[in-house]
Amino acid sequence: MRVNENTVICGDKVVLVPYRREHVETYHEWMKSPELLELTASEPLSLEEEYEMQRKWHMDEDSTPSVIQQGSSSPKIILEPSELRQCSMVGDVNLFLPDGLGGDVECEIMIATKEDRRKGYAREALTLFLSYAISTLKIQPHQLIARIGMDNEPSIRLFESMGFGIEKRVEVFREVGLRWGHKPSQEGEETQSEVSDEKADWLADLEGMIGPYDE
């Protein structure tokens, strides 16, 4: 989506940058991993197909992909474009809006290598990205959903810790669907989420944290 095509968000641990052509080769190498293909429910693509996918995502109005990079030693200091290109990629975070701004908004996040997991990158990246999307696109927290493989317990726990609740289970795909603000009934039965004006407690004030990717 064009809304974030030149936007950088600098946090304490990570920097979010738009998914550009220069990131494709690293992403392609990541996605040779059978583990990542399974965790992300993805199909292997050739390098040429990955470049084409990057071009498609750049033009799409129903997706907002961003690359997660390791942050600098100076928290919340906006990095210069030349400095950004020296940061190491560690994963990606995406939103998909198949029904436009009025429908469900699906969140996805991936930290690619085991060495970069359990360092707080995913939580901070998701917090920054969703806060930016909510403030820019004016979506509501209750529109946020996630679809995660039943065996991906770390990802399920991450979303649950941010206020998402399991709304449904799809056994045939071995997948759970979560929605922000969803809570099961007292009897333990899963119920439909209700629209709420409640504010997500993880929403971040991004003032002083947003800058440009290009010179």
C-alpha atoms as a PDB file:
ATOM      1  CA  MET A   1       0.000   0.000   0.000  1.00  0.00           C
ATOM      2  CA  ARG A   2       1.330   3.396  -0.944  1.00  0.00           C
ATOM      3  CA  VAL A   3       0.598   4.852   2.489  1.00  0.00           C
ATOM      4  CA  ASN A   4       3.834   3.449   3.941  1.00  0.00           C
ATOM      5  CA  GLU A   5       5.987   3.270   0.799  1.00  0.00           C
ATOM      6  CA  ASN A   6       8.547   5.751   2.152  1.00  0.00           C
ATOM      7  CA  THR A   7       7.921   5.473   5.895  1.00  0.00           C
ATOM      8  CA  VAL A   8      10.429   4.398   8.535  1.00  0.00           C
ATOM      9  CA  ILE A   9       9.480   3.800  12.178  1.00  0.00           C
ATOM     10  CA  CYS A  10      12.390   3.650  14.637  1.00  0.00           C
ATOM     11  CA  GLY A  11      11.849   1.873  17.955  1.00  0.00           C
ATOM     12  CA  ASP A  12      14.133   0.813  20.781  1.00  0.00           C
ATOM     13  CA  LYS A  13      15.000  -2.584  19.294  1.00  0.00           C
ATOM     14  CA  VAL A  14      13.753  -2.562  15.722  1.00  0.00           C
ATOM     15  CA  VAL A  15      13.315  -0.329  12.724  1.00  0.00           C
ATOM     16  CA  LEU A  16      10.418  -0.850  10.312  1.00  0.00           C
ATOM     17  CA  VAL A  17      11.100  -0.004   6.676  1.00  0.00           C
ATOM     18  CA  PRO A  18       9.065  -0.515   3.474  1.00  0.00           C
ATOM     19  CA  TYR A  19       9.615  -3.807   1.648  1.00  0.00           C
ATOM     20  CA  ARG A  20      11.760  -2.813  -1.326  1.00  0.00           C
ATOM     21  CA  ARG A  21      13.569  -4.584  -4.153  1.00  0.00           C
ATOM     22  CA  GLU A  22      16.836  -4.589  -2.193  1.00  0.00           C
ATOM     23  CA  HIS A  23      15.237  -6.794   0.470  1.00  0.00           C
ATOM     24  CA  VAL A  24      13.989  -9.522  -1.866  1.00  0.00           C
ATOM     25  CA  GLU A  25      17.113 -11.705  -2.038  1.00  0.00           C
ATOM     26  CA  THR A  26      17.379 -11.979   1.752  1.00  0.00           C
ATOM     27  CA  TYR A  27      13.667 -12.727   2.024  1.00  0.00           C
ATOM     28  CA  HIS A  28      14.003 -15.360  -0.702  1.00  0.00           C
ATOM     29  CA  GLU A  29      16.823 -17.082   1.210  1.00  0.00           C
ATOM     30  CA  TRP A  30      14.689 -17.109   4.362  1.00  0.00           C
ATOM     31  CA  MET A  31      11.789 -18.723   2.565  1.00  0.00           C
ATOM     32  CA  LYS A  32      13.880 -21.693   1.503  1.00  0.00           C
ATOM     33  CA  SER A  33      13.374 -22.894   5.075  1.00  0.00           C
ATOM     34  CA  PRO A  34      10.720 -25.646   5.362  1.00  0.00           C
ATOM     35  CA  GLU A  35      10.017 -24.418   8.907  1.00  0.00           C
ATOM     36  CA  LEU A  36       9.203 -20.868   7.757  1.00  0.00           C
ATOM     37  CA  LEU A  37       7.113 -22.134   4.859  1.00  0.00           C
ATOM     38  CA  GLU A  38       5.064 -24.191   7.302  1.00  0.00           C
ATOM     39  CA  LEU A  39       4.772 -21.455   9.949  1.00  0.00           C
ATOM     40  CA  THR A  40       3.669 -18.874   7.386  1.00  0.00           C
ATOM     41  CA  ALA A  41       1.515 -21.275   5.328  1.00  0.00           C
ATOM     42  CA  SER A  42       3.501 -20.230   2.249  1.00  0.00           C
ATOM     43  CA  GLU A  43       4.509 -21.910  -0.975  1.00  0.00           C
ATOM     44  CA  PRO A  44       8.134 -21.818  -2.200  1.00  0.00           C
ATOM     45  CA  LEU A  45       8.727 -19.266  -4.953  1.00  0.00           C
ATOM     46  CA  SER A  46      11.575 -18.709  -7.374  1.00  0.00           C
ATOM     47  CA  LEU A  47      13.654 -15.554  -7.022  1.00  0.00           C
ATOM     48  CA  GLU A  48      11.920 -14.094 -10.074  1.00  0.00           C
ATOM     49  CA  GLU A  49       8.529 -14.838  -8.516  1.00  0.00           C
ATOM     50  CA  GLU A  50       9.642 -13.133  -5.286  1.00  0.00           C
ATOM     51  CA  TYR A  51      10.600  -9.996  -7.216  1.00  0.00           C
ATOM     52  CA  GLU A  52       7.214 -10.038  -8.927  1.00  0.00           C
ATOM     53  CA  MET A  53       5.468 -10.479  -5.566  1.00  0.00           C
ATOM     54  CA  GLN A  54       7.377  -7.505  -4.164  1.00  0.00           C
ATOM     55  CA  ARG A  55       6.231  -5.348  -7.096  1.00  0.00           C
ATOM     56  CA  LYS A  56       2.650  -6.517  -6.585  1.00  0.00           C
ATOM     57  CA  TRP A  57       2.695  -5.745  -2.860  1.00  0.00           C
ATOM     58  CA  HIS A  58       4.121  -2.300  -3.564  1.00  0.00           C
ATOM     59  CA  MET A  59       1.165  -1.468  -5.807  1.00  0.00           C
ATOM     60  CA  ASP A  60      -1.576  -3.246  -3.835  1.00  0.00           C
ATOM     61  CA  GLU A  61      -4.160  -1.256  -1.910  1.00  0.00           C
ATOM     62  CA  ASP A  62      -5.050  -4.216   0.303  1.00  0.00           C
ATOM     63  CA  SER A  63      -1.670  -4.966   1.915  1.00  0.00           C
ATOM     64  CA  THR A  64       0.994  -3.023   3.841  1.00  0.00           C
ATOM     65  CA  PRO A  65       4.230  -5.040   4.049  1.00  0.00           C
ATOM     66  CA  SER A  66       7.185  -3.811   6.105  1.00  0.00           C
ATOM     67  CA  VAL A  67      10.611  -5.254   6.830  1.00  0.00           C
ATOM     68  CA  ILE A  68      11.830  -5.550  10.427  1.00  0.00           C
ATOM     69  CA  GLN A  69      15.463  -4.569  10.938  1.00  0.00           C
ATOM     70  CA  GLN A  70      17.592  -4.486  14.047  1.00  0.00           C
ATOM     71  CA  GLY A  71      17.546  -1.062  15.631  1.00  0.00           C
ATOM     72  CA  SER A  72      20.427   1.247  16.418  1.00  0.00           C
ATOM     73  CA  SER A  73      22.241   1.799  19.688  1.00  0.00           C
ATOM     74  CA  SER A  74      20.392   5.118  20.014  1.00  0.00           C
ATOM     75  CA  PRO A  75      16.753   4.297  20.863  1.00  0.00           C
ATOM     76  CA  LYS A  76      14.041   6.248  19.071  1.00  0.00           C
ATOM     77  CA  ILE A  77      16.540   8.289  17.074  1.00  0.00           C
ATOM     78  CA  ILE A  78      15.430   8.416  13.448  1.00  0.00           C
ATOM     79  CA  LEU A  79      18.187   6.924  11.304  1.00  0.00           C
ATOM     80  CA  GLU A  80      19.448   8.490   8.116  1.00  0.00           C
ATOM     81  CA  PRO A  81      18.664   6.568   4.890  1.00  0.00           C
ATOM     82  CA  SER A  82      22.331   5.558   4.565  1.00  0.00           C
ATOM     83  CA  GLU A  83      22.282   4.151   8.120  1.00  0.00           C
ATOM     84  CA  LEU A  84      19.075   2.220   7.500  1.00  0.00           C
ATOM     85  CA  ARG A  85      20.705   0.256   4.702  1.00  0.00           C
ATOM     86  CA  GLN A  86      23.356  -0.980   7.129  1.00  0.00           C
ATOM     87  CA  CYS A  87      20.824  -2.521   9.507  1.00  0.00           C
ATOM     88  CA  SER A  88      20.306  -6.285   9.431  1.00  0.00           C
ATOM     89  CA  MET A  89      16.943  -7.706   8.378  1.00  0.00           C
ATOM     90  CA  VAL A  90      15.357  -9.970  10.982  1.00  0.00           C
ATOM     91  CA  GLY A  91      11.790 -10.455   9.746  1.00  0.00           C
ATOM     92  CA  ASP A  92       8.670  -8.864   8.330  1.00  0.00           C
ATOM     93  CA  VAL A  93       5.260  -7.640   9.448  1.00  0.00           C
ATOM     94  CA  ASN A  94       2.179  -7.224   7.274  1.00  0.00           C
ATOM     95  CA  LEU A  95      -1.441  -6.149   7.239  1.00  0.00           C
ATOM     96  CA  PHE A  96      -3.969  -7.430   4.721  1.00  0.00           C
ATOM     97  CA  LEU A  97      -7.240  -5.600   4.044  1.00  0.00           C
ATOM     98  CA  PRO A  98      -9.169  -7.843   1.608  1.00  0.00           C
ATOM     99  CA  ASP A  99     -12.466  -6.051   2.373  1.00  0.00           C
ATOM    100  CA  GLY A 100     -11.081  -2.532   2.570  1.00  0.00           C
ATOM    101  CA  LEU A 101     -10.872  -0.306   5.634  1.00  0.00           C
ATOM    102  CA  GLY A 102     -14.318  -1.321   6.856  1.00  0.00           C
ATOM    103  CA  GLY A 103     -13.624  -5.047   7.112  1.00  0.00           C
ATOM    104  CA  ASP A 104     -11.336  -7.350   9.044  1.00  0.00           C
ATOM    105  CA  VAL A 105      -7.633  -6.488   8.948  1.00  0.00           C
ATOM    106  CA  GLU A 106      -5.349  -9.507   9.125  1.00  0.00           C
ATOM    107  CA  CYS A 107      -1.991  -9.169  10.905  1.00  0.00           C
ATOM    108  CA  GLU A 108       1.062 -11.304  10.189  1.00  0.00           C
ATOM    109  CA  ILE A 109       4.534 -11.201  11.691  1.00  0.00           C
ATOM    110  CA  MET A 110       7.639 -13.323  11.190  1.00  0.00           C
ATOM    111  CA  ILE A 111      11.068 -13.342  12.823  1.00  0.00           C
ATOM    112  CA  ALA A 112      13.082 -15.376  10.369  1.00  0.00           C
ATOM    113  CA  THR A 113      15.903 -17.054  12.278  1.00  0.00           C
ATOM    114  CA  LYS A 114      15.953 -18.768  15.652  1.00  0.00           C
ATOM    115  CA  GLU A 115      18.913 -16.609  16.681  1.00  0.00           C
ATOM    116  CA  ASP A 116      16.760 -13.474  16.401  1.00  0.00           C
ATOM    117  CA  ARG A 117      13.740 -14.840  18.269  1.00  0.00           C
ATOM    118  CA  ARG A 118      12.910 -14.304  21.936  1.00  0.00           C
ATOM    119  CA  LYS A 119      14.606 -10.903  21.900  1.00  0.00           C
ATOM    120  CA  GLY A 120      11.482  -8.760  21.917  1.00  0.00           C
ATOM    121  CA  TYR A 121      11.706  -7.892  18.232  1.00  0.00           C
ATOM    122  CA  ALA A 122       8.291  -9.325  17.325  1.00  0.00           C
ATOM    123  CA  ARG A 123       6.407  -7.576  20.129  1.00  0.00           C
ATOM    124  CA  GLU A 124       7.926  -4.175  19.462  1.00  0.00           C
ATOM    125  CA  ALA A 125       7.527  -4.493  15.687  1.00  0.00           C
ATOM    126  CA  LEU A 126       3.878  -5.505  16.004  1.00  0.00           C
ATOM    127  CA  THR A 127       3.200  -2.703  18.500  1.00  0.00           C
ATOM    128  CA  LEU A 128       4.778  -0.049  16.275  1.00  0.00           C
ATOM    129  CA  PHE A 129       3.205  -1.332  13.080  1.00  0.00           C
ATOM    130  CA  LEU A 130      -0.324  -1.670  14.445  1.00  0.00           C
ATOM    131  CA  SER A 131      -0.112   1.693  16.199  1.00  0.00           C
ATOM    132  CA  TYR A 132       0.931   3.294  12.916  1.00  0.00           C
ATOM    133  CA  ALA A 133      -1.819   1.531  10.969  1.00  0.00           C
ATOM    134  CA  ILE A 134      -4.493   2.527  13.472  1.00  0.00           C
ATOM    135  CA  SER A 135      -3.404   6.175  13.531  1.00  0.00           C
ATOM    136  CA  THR A 136      -2.922   6.408   9.746  1.00  0.00           C
ATOM    137  CA  LEU A 137      -5.671   4.174   8.327  1.00  0.00           C
ATOM    138  CA  LYS A 138      -8.152   4.879  11.153  1.00  0.00           C
ATOM    139  CA  ILE A 139      -8.958   1.207  11.606  1.00  0.00           C
ATOM    140  CA  GLN A 140     -10.321   0.110  14.974  1.00  0.00           C
ATOM    141  CA  PRO A 141      -8.567  -2.459  17.190  1.00  0.00           C
ATOM    142  CA  HIS A 142     -11.554  -4.847  17.051  1.00  0.00           C
ATOM    143  CA  GLN A 143     -11.021  -5.125  13.273  1.00  0.00           C
ATOM    144  CA  LEU A 144      -7.611  -6.731  13.833  1.00  0.00           C
ATOM    145  CA  ILE A 145      -7.436 -10.489  13.353  1.00  0.00           C
ATOM    146  CA  ALA A 146      -4.700 -13.097  13.011  1.00  0.00           C
ATOM    147  CA  ARG A 147      -4.656 -16.618  11.583  1.00  0.00           C
ATOM    148  CA  ILE A 148      -1.970 -18.790  13.126  1.00  0.00           C
ATOM    149  CA  GLY A 149      -1.096 -22.471  12.884  1.00  0.00           C
ATOM    150  CA  MET A 150      -2.177 -24.422  15.953  1.00  0.00           C
ATOM    151  CA  ASP A 151       1.378 -25.639  16.523  1.00  0.00           C
ATOM    152  CA  ASN A 152       2.851 -22.121  16.457  1.00  0.00           C
ATOM    153  CA  GLU A 153       2.478 -21.577  20.198  1.00  0.00           C
ATOM    154  CA  PRO A 154       4.957 -18.653  20.525  1.00  0.00           C
ATOM    155  CA  SER A 155       3.020 -16.614  17.962  1.00  0.00           C
ATOM    156  CA  ILE A 156      -0.321 -17.444  19.568  1.00  0.00           C
ATOM    157  CA  ARG A 157       1.022 -16.386  22.975  1.00  0.00           C
ATOM    158  CA  LEU A 158       2.356 -13.133  21.527  1.00  0.00           C
ATOM    159  CA  PHE A 159      -1.020 -12.132  20.103  1.00  0.00           C
ATOM    160  CA  GLU A 160      -2.872 -13.248  23.240  1.00  0.00           C
ATOM    161  CA  SER A 161      -0.541 -11.116  25.387  1.00  0.00           C
ATOM    162  CA  MET A 162      -1.569  -8.105  23.280  1.00  0.00           C
ATOM    163  CA  GLY A 163      -5.278  -8.634  23.902  1.00  0.00           C
ATOM    164  CA  PHE A 164      -6.212 -10.978  21.049  1.00  0.00           C
ATOM    165  CA  GLY A 165      -8.465 -13.907  21.902  1.00  0.00           C
ATOM    166  CA  ILE A 166      -9.090 -17.136  20.024  1.00  0.00           C
ATOM    167  CA  GLU A 167     -12.315 -16.648  18.111  1.00  0.00           C
ATOM    168  CA  LYS A 168     -12.393 -19.906  16.172  1.00  0.00           C
ATOM    169  CA  ARG A 169     -10.482 -23.087  15.434  1.00  0.00           C
ATOM    170  CA  VAL A 170     -10.260 -24.557  11.952  1.00  0.00           C
ATOM    171  CA  GLU A 171      -9.219 -28.154  12.466  1.00  0.00           C
ATOM    172  CA  VAL A 172      -9.017 -28.995   8.771  1.00  0.00           C
ATOM    173  CA  PHE A 173      -6.285 -26.373   8.322  1.00  0.00           C
ATOM    174  CA  ARG A 174      -4.821 -26.825  11.838  1.00  0.00           C
ATOM    175  CA  GLU A 175      -5.316 -23.090  12.358  1.00  0.00           C
ATOM    176  CA  VAL A 176      -6.718 -20.754  14.997  1.00  0.00           C
ATOM    177  CA  GLY A 177      -8.326 -17.403  14.290  1.00  0.00           C
ATOM    178  CA  LEU A 178      -7.779 -14.629  16.831  1.00  0.00           C
ATOM    179  CA  ARG A 179      -9.396 -11.201  17.122  1.00  0.00           C
ATOM    180  CA  TRP A 180      -8.365  -8.287  19.270  1.00  0.00           C
ATOM    181  CA  GLY A 181     -10.703  -7.892  22.249  1.00  0.00           C
ATOM    182  CA  HIS A 182     -12.388 -11.289  21.818  1.00  0.00           C
ATOM    183  CA  LYS A 183     -13.150 -13.089  25.059  1.00  0.00           C
ATOM    184  CA  PRO A 184     -14.798 -16.499  25.524  1.00  0.00           C
ATOM    185  CA  SER A 185     -17.990 -16.750  27.543  1.00  0.00           C
ATOM    186  CA  GLN A 186     -17.841 -17.756  31.181  1.00  0.00           C
ATOM    187  CA  GLU A 187     -18.794 -21.291  30.216  1.00  0.00           C
ATOM    188  CA  GLY A 188     -15.725 -21.513  27.986  1.00  0.00           C
ATOM    189  CA  GLU A 189     -17.712 -21.412  24.762  1.00  0.00           C
ATOM    190  CA  GLU A 190     -16.354 -19.291  21.947  1.00  0.00           C
ATOM    191  CA  THR A 191     -18.661 -16.381  21.137  1.00  0.00           C
ATOM    192  CA  GLN A 192     -18.800 -13.706  18.484  1.00  0.00           C
ATOM    193  CA  SER A 193     -16.709 -10.626  19.234  1.00  0.00           C
ATOM    194  CA  GLU A 194     -18.624  -7.478  20.017  1.00  0.00           C
ATOM    195  CA  VAL A 195     -17.679  -4.079  18.652  1.00  0.00           C
ATOM    196  CA  SER A 196     -16.080  -2.143  21.488  1.00  0.00           C
ATOM    197  CA  ASP A 197     -14.778   1.370  21.998  1.00  0.00           C
ATOM    198  CA  GLU A 198     -12.126   0.000  24.352  1.00  0.00           C
ATOM    199  CA  LYS A 199      -8.620   1.253  23.665  1.00  0.00           C
ATOM    200  CA  ALA A 200      -5.777  -1.216  23.166  1.00  0.00           C
ATOM    201  CA  ASP A 201      -3.295  -0.640  26.001  1.00  0.00           C
ATOM    202  CA  TRP A 202      -0.324  -1.276  23.706  1.00  0.00           C
ATOM    203  CA  LEU A 203      -1.062   1.656  21.382  1.00  0.00           C
ATOM    204  CA  ALA A 204       2.116   3.725  21.097  1.00  0.00           C
ATOM    205  CA  ASP A 205       2.636   7.439  20.587  1.00  0.00           C
ATOM    206  CA  LEU A 206       4.891   7.512  17.514  1.00  0.00           C
ATOM    207  CA  GLU A 207       5.806  11.178  17.718  1.00  0.00           C
ATOM    208  CA  GLY A 208       9.497  11.607  16.945  1.00  0.00           C
ATOM    209  CA  MET A 209       9.808   8.017  15.737  1.00  0.00           C
ATOM    210  CA  ILE A 210       8.754   8.339  12.070  1.00  0.00           C
ATOM    211  CA  GLY A 211      11.079   9.353   9.267  1.00  0.00           C
ATOM    212  CA  PRO A 212      11.706   8.829   5.515  1.00  0.00           C
ATOM    213  CA  TYR A 213      13.356   5.801   3.922  1.00  0.00           C
ATOM    214  CA  ASP A 214      14.712   7.616   0.858  1.00  0.00           C
ATOM    215  CA  GLU A 215      16.922  10.680   0.730  1.00  0.00           C
END
